[in-house]
Amino acid sequence: MVQIGASPRACLALVETSRARAALAGRDYVTPDDVKTLAEAVLAHRVTLAPEAEMEGVVLGDFLRRIFAAVEVPR
């Protein structure tokens, strides 16, 4: 479904924004919720759906949310 995936720089941007969110919340550590909350905003303009997926009506934001919802949080 994905034509162009997130680059290493996109991953770094997600790490940095997650750290900033944690700091704004008064924490010196990042939680999985920090990452999941910011993932769509950070990755939405960096990931491109395949034309077939777009023709099927797949919405990038929904697609990214499904991926992150399916990833189990480590304990």
PDB file of N, CA and C in Angstrom:
ATOM      1  N   MET A   1       0.806  -1.204   0.000  1.00  0.00           N
ATOM      2  CA  MET A   1       0.000   0.000   0.000  1.00  0.00           C
ATOM      3  C   MET A   1       0.848   1.266   0.000  1.00  0.00           C
ATOM      4  N   VAL A   2       2.106   1.156   0.386  1.00  0.00           N
ATOM      5  CA  VAL A   2       2.974   2.329   0.482  1.00  0.00           C
ATOM      6  C   VAL A   2       3.913   2.387  -0.714  1.00  0.00           C
ATOM      7  N   GLN A   3       3.959   3.524  -1.357  1.00  0.00           N
ATOM      8  CA  GLN A   3       4.872   3.717  -2.479  1.00  0.00           C
ATOM      9  C   GLN A   3       6.219   4.244  -1.979  1.00  0.00           C
ATOM     10  N   ILE A   4       6.172   5.245  -1.110  1.00  0.00           N
ATOM     11  CA  ILE A   4       7.392   5.813  -0.530  1.00  0.00           C
ATOM     12  C   ILE A   4       7.220   5.822   0.982  1.00  0.00           C
ATOM     13  N   GLY A   5       8.142   5.160   1.675  1.00  0.00           N
ATOM     14  CA  GLY A   5       8.075   5.086   3.129  1.00  0.00           C
ATOM     15  C   GLY A   5       8.824   6.228   3.792  1.00  0.00           C
ATOM     16  N   ALA A   6       8.783   6.223   5.099  1.00  0.00           N
ATOM     17  CA  ALA A   6       9.459   7.253   5.878  1.00  0.00           C
ATOM     18  C   ALA A   6      10.966   7.047   5.819  1.00  0.00           C
ATOM     19  N   SER A   7      11.687   8.132   5.718  1.00  0.00           N
ATOM     20  CA  SER A   7      13.150   8.100   5.639  1.00  0.00           C
ATOM     21  C   SER A   7      13.747   8.080   7.051  1.00  0.00           C
ATOM     22  N   PRO A   8      15.049   7.855   7.146  1.00  0.00           N
ATOM     23  CA  PRO A   8      15.700   7.965   8.462  1.00  0.00           C
ATOM     24  C   PRO A   8      15.498   9.349   9.094  1.00  0.00           C
ATOM     25  N   ARG A   9      15.493  10.379   8.268  1.00  0.00           N
ATOM     26  CA  ARG A   9      15.258  11.727   8.812  1.00  0.00           C
ATOM     27  C   ARG A   9      13.855  11.853   9.384  1.00  0.00           C
ATOM     28  N   ALA A  10      12.890  11.162   8.794  1.00  0.00           N
ATOM     29  CA  ALA A  10      11.525  11.175   9.326  1.00  0.00           C
ATOM     30  C   ALA A  10      11.489  10.515  10.697  1.00  0.00           C
ATOM     31  N   CYS A  11      12.221   9.432  10.841  1.00  0.00           N
ATOM     32  CA  CYS A  11      12.295   8.746  12.139  1.00  0.00           C
ATOM     33  C   CYS A  11      12.949   9.641  13.186  1.00  0.00           C
ATOM     34  N   LEU A  12      13.999  10.342  12.789  1.00  0.00           N
ATOM     35  CA  LEU A  12      14.650  11.278  13.711  1.00  0.00           C
ATOM     36  C   LEU A  12      13.699  12.398  14.116  1.00  0.00           C
ATOM     37  N   ALA A  13      12.904  12.878  13.166  1.00  0.00           N
ATOM     38  CA  ALA A  13      11.928  13.920  13.484  1.00  0.00           C
ATOM     39  C   ALA A  13      10.896  13.402  14.478  1.00  0.00           C
ATOM     40  N   LEU A  14      10.481  12.153  14.329  1.00  0.00           N
ATOM     41  CA  LEU A  14       9.526  11.566  15.261  1.00  0.00           C
ATOM     42  C   LEU A  14      10.152  11.422  16.650  1.00  0.00           C
ATOM     43  N   VAL A  15      11.401  11.045  16.707  1.00  0.00           N
ATOM     44  CA  VAL A  15      12.098  10.937  17.992  1.00  0.00           C
ATOM     45  C   VAL A  15      12.184  12.308  18.667  1.00  0.00           C
ATOM     46  N   GLU A  16      12.607  13.307  17.917  1.00  0.00           N
ATOM     47  CA  GLU A  16      12.777  14.647  18.493  1.00  0.00           C
ATOM     48  C   GLU A  16      11.450  15.251  18.945  1.00  0.00           C
ATOM     49  N   THR A  17      10.403  15.098  18.152  1.00  0.00           N
ATOM     50  CA  THR A  17       9.109  15.657  18.562  1.00  0.00           C
ATOM     51  C   THR A  17       8.555  14.899  19.766  1.00  0.00           C
ATOM     52  N   SER A  18       8.817  13.606  19.839  1.00  0.00           N
ATOM     53  CA  SER A  18       8.375  12.824  21.001  1.00  0.00           C
ATOM     54  C   SER A  18       9.110  13.279  22.261  1.00  0.00           C
ATOM     55  N   ARG A  19      10.390  13.553  22.125  1.00  0.00           N
ATOM     56  CA  ARG A  19      11.156  14.078  23.268  1.00  0.00           C
ATOM     57  C   ARG A  19      10.614  15.441  23.703  1.00  0.00           C
ATOM     58  N   ALA A  20      10.281  16.270  22.751  1.00  0.00           N
ATOM     59  CA  ALA A  20       9.738  17.593  23.074  1.00  0.00           C
ATOM     60  C   ALA A  20       8.394  17.464  23.788  1.00  0.00           C
ATOM     61  N   ARG A  21       7.545  16.561  23.317  1.00  0.00           N
ATOM     62  CA  ARG A  21       6.240  16.347  23.961  1.00  0.00           C
ATOM     63  C   ARG A  21       6.434  15.869  25.397  1.00  0.00           C
ATOM     64  N   ALA A  22       7.363  14.954  25.593  1.00  0.00           N
ATOM     65  CA  ALA A  22       7.641  14.463  26.946  1.00  0.00           C
ATOM     66  C   ALA A  22       8.142  15.598  27.842  1.00  0.00           C
ATOM     67  N   ALA A  23       9.032  16.424  27.313  1.00  0.00           N
ATOM     68  CA  ALA A  23       9.567  17.537  28.091  1.00  0.00           C
ATOM     69  C   ALA A  23       8.459  18.524  28.460  1.00  0.00           C
ATOM     70  N   LEU A  24       7.562  18.798  27.526  1.00  0.00           N
ATOM     71  CA  LEU A  24       6.450  19.702  27.815  1.00  0.00           C
ATOM     72  C   LEU A  24       5.522  19.131  28.879  1.00  0.00           C
ATOM     73  N   ALA A  25       5.496  17.805  28.970  1.00  0.00           N
ATOM     74  CA  ALA A  25       4.679  17.147  29.994  1.00  0.00           C
ATOM     75  C   ALA A  25       5.437  17.004  31.315  1.00  0.00           C
ATOM     76  N   GLY A  26       6.673  17.520  31.354  1.00  0.00           N
ATOM     77  CA  GLY A  26       7.456  17.479  32.581  1.00  0.00           C
ATOM     78  C   GLY A  26       8.182  16.167  32.809  1.00  0.00           C
ATOM     79  N   ARG A  27       8.364  15.389  31.749  1.00  0.00           N
ATOM     80  CA  ARG A  27       9.057  14.098  31.879  1.00  0.00           C
ATOM     81  C   ARG A  27      10.396  14.151  31.177  1.00  0.00           C
ATOM     82  N   ASP A  28      11.333  13.334  31.657  1.00  0.00           N
ATOM     83  CA  ASP A  28      12.631  13.223  30.985  1.00  0.00           C
ATOM     84  C   ASP A  28      12.736  11.893  30.235  1.00  0.00           C
ATOM     85  N   TYR A  29      11.590  11.311  29.918  1.00  0.00           N
ATOM     86  CA  TYR A  29      11.525  10.065  29.161  1.00  0.00           C
ATOM     87  C   TYR A  29      10.325  10.109  28.218  1.00  0.00           C
ATOM     88  N   VAL A  30      10.410   9.356  27.143  1.00  0.00           N
ATOM     89  CA  VAL A  30       9.355   9.293  26.132  1.00  0.00           C
ATOM     90  C   VAL A  30       8.541   8.030  26.360  1.00  0.00           C
ATOM     91  N   THR A  31       7.233   8.151  26.240  1.00  0.00           N
ATOM     92  CA  THR A  31       6.357   6.987  26.354  1.00  0.00           C
ATOM     93  C   THR A  31       5.868   6.578  24.961  1.00  0.00           C
ATOM     94  N   PRO A  32       5.400   5.357  24.819  1.00  0.00           N
ATOM     95  CA  PRO A  32       4.826   4.953  23.531  1.00  0.00           C
ATOM     96  C   PRO A  32       3.666   5.856  23.107  1.00  0.00           C
ATOM     97  N   ASP A  33       2.909   6.361  24.079  1.00  0.00           N
ATOM     98  CA  ASP A  33       1.812   7.268  23.736  1.00  0.00           C
ATOM     99  C   ASP A  33       2.308   8.560  23.103  1.00  0.00           C
ATOM    100  N   ASP A  34       3.478   9.043  23.537  1.00  0.00           N
ATOM    101  CA  ASP A  34       4.066  10.230  22.910  1.00  0.00           C
ATOM    102  C   ASP A  34       4.288   9.971  21.424  1.00  0.00           C
ATOM    103  N   VAL A  35       4.878   8.832  21.124  1.00  0.00           N
ATOM    104  CA  VAL A  35       5.187   8.482  19.735  1.00  0.00           C
ATOM    105  C   VAL A  35       3.907   8.300  18.936  1.00  0.00           C
ATOM    106  N   LYS A  36       2.963   7.543  19.478  1.00  0.00           N
ATOM    107  CA  LYS A  36       1.713   7.273  18.757  1.00  0.00           C
ATOM    108  C   LYS A  36       0.912   8.553  18.509  1.00  0.00           C
ATOM    109  N   THR A  37       0.942   9.459  19.480  1.00  0.00           N
ATOM    110  CA  THR A  37       0.196  10.712  19.337  1.00  0.00           C
ATOM    111  C   THR A  37       0.748  11.570  18.200  1.00  0.00           C
ATOM    112  N   LEU A  38       2.058  11.574  18.044  1.00  0.00           N
ATOM    113  CA  LEU A  38       2.702  12.450  17.063  1.00  0.00           C
ATOM    114  C   LEU A  38       2.951  11.794  15.706  1.00  0.00           C
ATOM    115  N   ALA A  39       2.850  10.492  15.638  1.00  0.00           N
ATOM    116  CA  ALA A  39       3.241   9.766  14.426  1.00  0.00           C
ATOM    117  C   ALA A  39       2.530  10.260  13.172  1.00  0.00           C
ATOM    118  N   GLU A  40       1.237  10.424  13.247  1.00  0.00           N
ATOM    119  CA  GLU A  40       0.504  10.849  12.048  1.00  0.00           C
ATOM    120  C   GLU A  40       0.945  12.233  11.586  1.00  0.00           C
ATOM    121  N   ALA A  41       1.054  13.170  12.510  1.00  0.00           N
ATOM    122  CA  ALA A  41       1.436  14.533  12.146  1.00  0.00           C
ATOM    123  C   ALA A  41       2.841  14.590  11.549  1.00  0.00           C
ATOM    124  N   VAL A  42       3.756  13.805  12.105  1.00  0.00           N
ATOM    125  CA  VAL A  42       5.148  13.841  11.646  1.00  0.00           C
ATOM    126  C   VAL A  42       5.322  13.087  10.334  1.00  0.00           C
ATOM    127  N   LEU A  43       4.632  11.964  10.183  1.00  0.00           N
ATOM    128  CA  LEU A  43       4.861  11.098   9.021  1.00  0.00           C
ATOM    129  C   LEU A  43       3.923  11.350   7.848  1.00  0.00           C
ATOM    130  N   ALA A  44       2.830  12.049   8.059  1.00  0.00           N
ATOM    131  CA  ALA A  44       1.808  12.185   7.012  1.00  0.00           C
ATOM    132  C   ALA A  44       2.342  12.788   5.716  1.00  0.00           C
ATOM    133  N   HIS A  45       3.224  13.743   5.795  1.00  0.00           N
ATOM    134  CA  HIS A  45       3.732  14.354   4.565  1.00  0.00           C
ATOM    135  C   HIS A  45       5.016  13.681   4.073  1.00  0.00           C
ATOM    136  N   ARG A  46       5.452  12.623   4.771  1.00  0.00           N
ATOM    137  CA  ARG A  46       6.687  11.939   4.396  1.00  0.00           C
ATOM    138  C   ARG A  46       6.435  10.563   3.805  1.00  0.00           C
ATOM    139  N   VAL A  47       5.222  10.074   3.917  1.00  0.00           N
ATOM    140  CA  VAL A  47       4.847   8.758   3.406  1.00  0.00           C
ATOM    141  C   VAL A  47       3.875   8.974   2.254  1.00  0.00           C
ATOM    142  N   THR A  48       4.061   8.215   1.180  1.00  0.00           N
ATOM    143  CA  THR A  48       3.181   8.318   0.018  1.00  0.00           C
ATOM    144  C   THR A  48       2.525   6.972  -0.232  1.00  0.00           C
ATOM    145  N   LEU A  49       1.212   6.986  -0.339  1.00  0.00           N
ATOM    146  CA  LEU A  49       0.497   5.756  -0.645  1.00  0.00           C
ATOM    147  C   LEU A  49       0.676   5.388  -2.109  1.00  0.00           C
ATOM    148  N   ALA A  50       0.601   4.105  -2.373  1.00  0.00           N
ATOM    149  CA  ALA A  50       0.639   3.625  -3.752  1.00  0.00           C
ATOM    150  C   ALA A  50      -0.641   4.072  -4.458  1.00  0.00           C
ATOM    151  N   PRO A  51      -0.575   4.302  -5.755  1.00  0.00           N
ATOM    152  CA  PRO A  51      -1.772   4.721  -6.490  1.00  0.00           C
ATOM    153  C   PRO A  51      -2.944   3.749  -6.322  1.00  0.00           C
ATOM    154  N   GLU A  52      -2.645   2.460  -6.252  1.00  0.00           N
ATOM    155  CA  GLU A  52      -3.709   1.468  -6.086  1.00  0.00           C
ATOM    156  C   GLU A  52      -4.449   1.668  -4.764  1.00  0.00           C
ATOM    157  N   ALA A  53      -3.692   1.979  -3.715  1.00  0.00           N
ATOM    158  CA  ALA A  53      -4.301   2.203  -2.407  1.00  0.00           C
ATOM    159  C   ALA A  53      -5.184   3.446  -2.435  1.00  0.00           C
ATOM    160  N   GLU A  54      -4.714   4.490  -3.103  1.00  0.00           N
ATOM    161  CA  GLU A  54      -5.515   5.714  -3.204  1.00  0.00           C
ATOM    162  C   GLU A  54      -6.792   5.462  -3.995  1.00  0.00           C
ATOM    163  N   MET A  55      -6.691   4.669  -5.055  1.00  0.00           N
ATOM    164  CA  MET A  55      -7.879   4.350  -5.851  1.00  0.00           C
ATOM    165  C   MET A  55      -8.880   3.526  -5.053  1.00  0.00           C
ATOM    166  N   GLU A  56      -8.390   2.749  -4.099  1.00  0.00           N
ATOM    167  CA  GLU A  56      -9.270   1.963  -3.236  1.00  0.00           C
ATOM    168  C   GLU A  56      -9.866   2.802  -2.117  1.00  0.00           C
ATOM    169  N   GLY A  57      -9.461   4.061  -2.029  1.00  0.00           N
ATOM    170  CA  GLY A  57     -10.017   4.966  -1.031  1.00  0.00           C
ATOM    171  C   GLY A  57      -9.300   4.948   0.306  1.00  0.00           C
ATOM    172  N   VAL A  58      -8.091   4.386   0.334  1.00  0.00           N
ATOM    173  CA  VAL A  58      -7.317   4.369   1.577  1.00  0.00           C
ATOM    174  C   VAL A  58      -6.876   5.795   1.899  1.00  0.00           C
ATOM    175  N   VAL A  59      -7.093   6.203   3.128  1.00  0.00           N
ATOM    176  CA  VAL A  59      -6.692   7.531   3.599  1.00  0.00           C
ATOM    177  C   VAL A  59      -5.412   7.359   4.417  1.00  0.00           C
ATOM    178  N   LEU A  60      -4.393   8.145   4.097  1.00  0.00           N
ATOM    179  CA  LEU A  60      -3.091   7.985   4.728  1.00  0.00           C
ATOM    180  C   LEU A  60      -3.164   8.079   6.250  1.00  0.00           C
ATOM    181  N   GLY A  61      -3.877   9.045   6.768  1.00  0.00           N
ATOM    182  CA  GLY A  61      -3.979   9.196   8.219  1.00  0.00           C
ATOM    183  C   GLY A  61      -4.578   7.960   8.875  1.00  0.00           C
ATOM    184  N   ASP A  62      -5.634   7.430   8.300  1.00  0.00           N
ATOM    185  CA  ASP A  62      -6.256   6.215   8.828  1.00  0.00           C
ATOM    186  C   ASP A  62      -5.290   5.041   8.745  1.00  0.00           C
ATOM    187  N   PHE A  63      -4.573   4.948   7.645  1.00  0.00           N
ATOM    188  CA  PHE A  63      -3.610   3.878   7.435  1.00  0.00           C
ATOM    189  C   PHE A  63      -2.514   3.922   8.501  1.00  0.00           C
ATOM    190  N   LEU A  64      -1.961   5.106   8.755  1.00  0.00           N
ATOM    191  CA  LEU A  64      -0.911   5.249   9.770  1.00  0.00           C
ATOM    192  C   LEU A  64      -1.443   4.927  11.168  1.00  0.00           C
ATOM    193  N   ARG A  65      -2.656   5.380  11.486  1.00  0.00           N
ATOM    194  CA  ARG A  65      -3.244   5.091  12.795  1.00  0.00           C
ATOM    195  C   ARG A  65      -3.441   3.590  12.990  1.00  0.00           C
ATOM    196  N   ARG A  66      -3.864   2.891  11.935  1.00  0.00           N
ATOM    197  CA  ARG A  66      -4.048   1.437  12.030  1.00  0.00           C
ATOM    198  C   ARG A  66      -2.718   0.736  12.293  1.00  0.00           C
ATOM    199  N   ILE A  67      -1.672   1.192  11.627  1.00  0.00           N
ATOM    200  CA  ILE A  67      -0.356   0.581  11.831  1.00  0.00           C
ATOM    201  C   ILE A  67       0.087   0.756  13.284  1.00  0.00           C
ATOM    202  N   PHE A  68       0.006   1.962  13.800  1.00  0.00           N
ATOM    203  CA  PHE A  68       0.458   2.214  15.162  1.00  0.00           C
ATOM    204  C   PHE A  68      -0.450   1.568  16.199  1.00  0.00           C
ATOM    205  N   ALA A  69      -1.725   1.413  15.895  1.00  0.00           N
ATOM    206  CA  ALA A  69      -2.625   0.722  16.820  1.00  0.00           C
ATOM    207  C   ALA A  69      -2.309  -0.776  16.877  1.00  0.00           C
ATOM    208  N   ALA A  70      -1.817  -1.309  15.772  1.00  0.00           N
ATOM    209  CA  ALA A  70      -1.515  -2.742  15.703  1.00  0.00           C
ATOM    210  C   ALA A  70      -0.188  -3.104  16.375  1.00  0.00           C
ATOM    211  N   VAL A  71       0.667  -2.116  16.591  1.00  0.00           N
ATOM    212  CA  VAL A  71       1.973  -2.376  17.217  1.00  0.00           C
ATOM    213  C   VAL A  71       1.772  -2.475  18.721  1.00  0.00           C
ATOM    214  N   GLU A  72       2.191  -3.605  19.266  1.00  0.00           N
ATOM    215  CA  GLU A  72       2.053  -3.817  20.701  1.00  0.00           C
ATOM    216  C   GLU A  72       3.114  -3.018  21.461  1.00  0.00           C
ATOM    217  N   VAL A  73       2.688  -2.390  22.537  1.00  0.00           N
ATOM    218  CA  VAL A  73       3.592  -1.595  23.363  1.00  0.00           C
ATOM    219  C   VAL A  73       4.457  -2.545  24.191  1.00  0.00           C
ATOM    220  N   PRO A  74       5.783  -2.388  24.151  1.00  0.00           N
ATOM    221  CA  PRO A  74       6.631  -3.262  24.962  1.00  0.00           C
ATOM    222  C   PRO A  74       6.427  -3.008  26.456  1.00  0.00           C
ATOM    223  N   ARG A  75       6.603  -4.035  27.217  1.00  0.00           N
ATOM    224  CA  ARG A  75       6.436  -3.911  28.681  1.00  0.00           C
ATOM    225  C   ARG A  75       7.760  -4.089  29.355  1.00  0.00           C
TER     226      ARG A  75
END
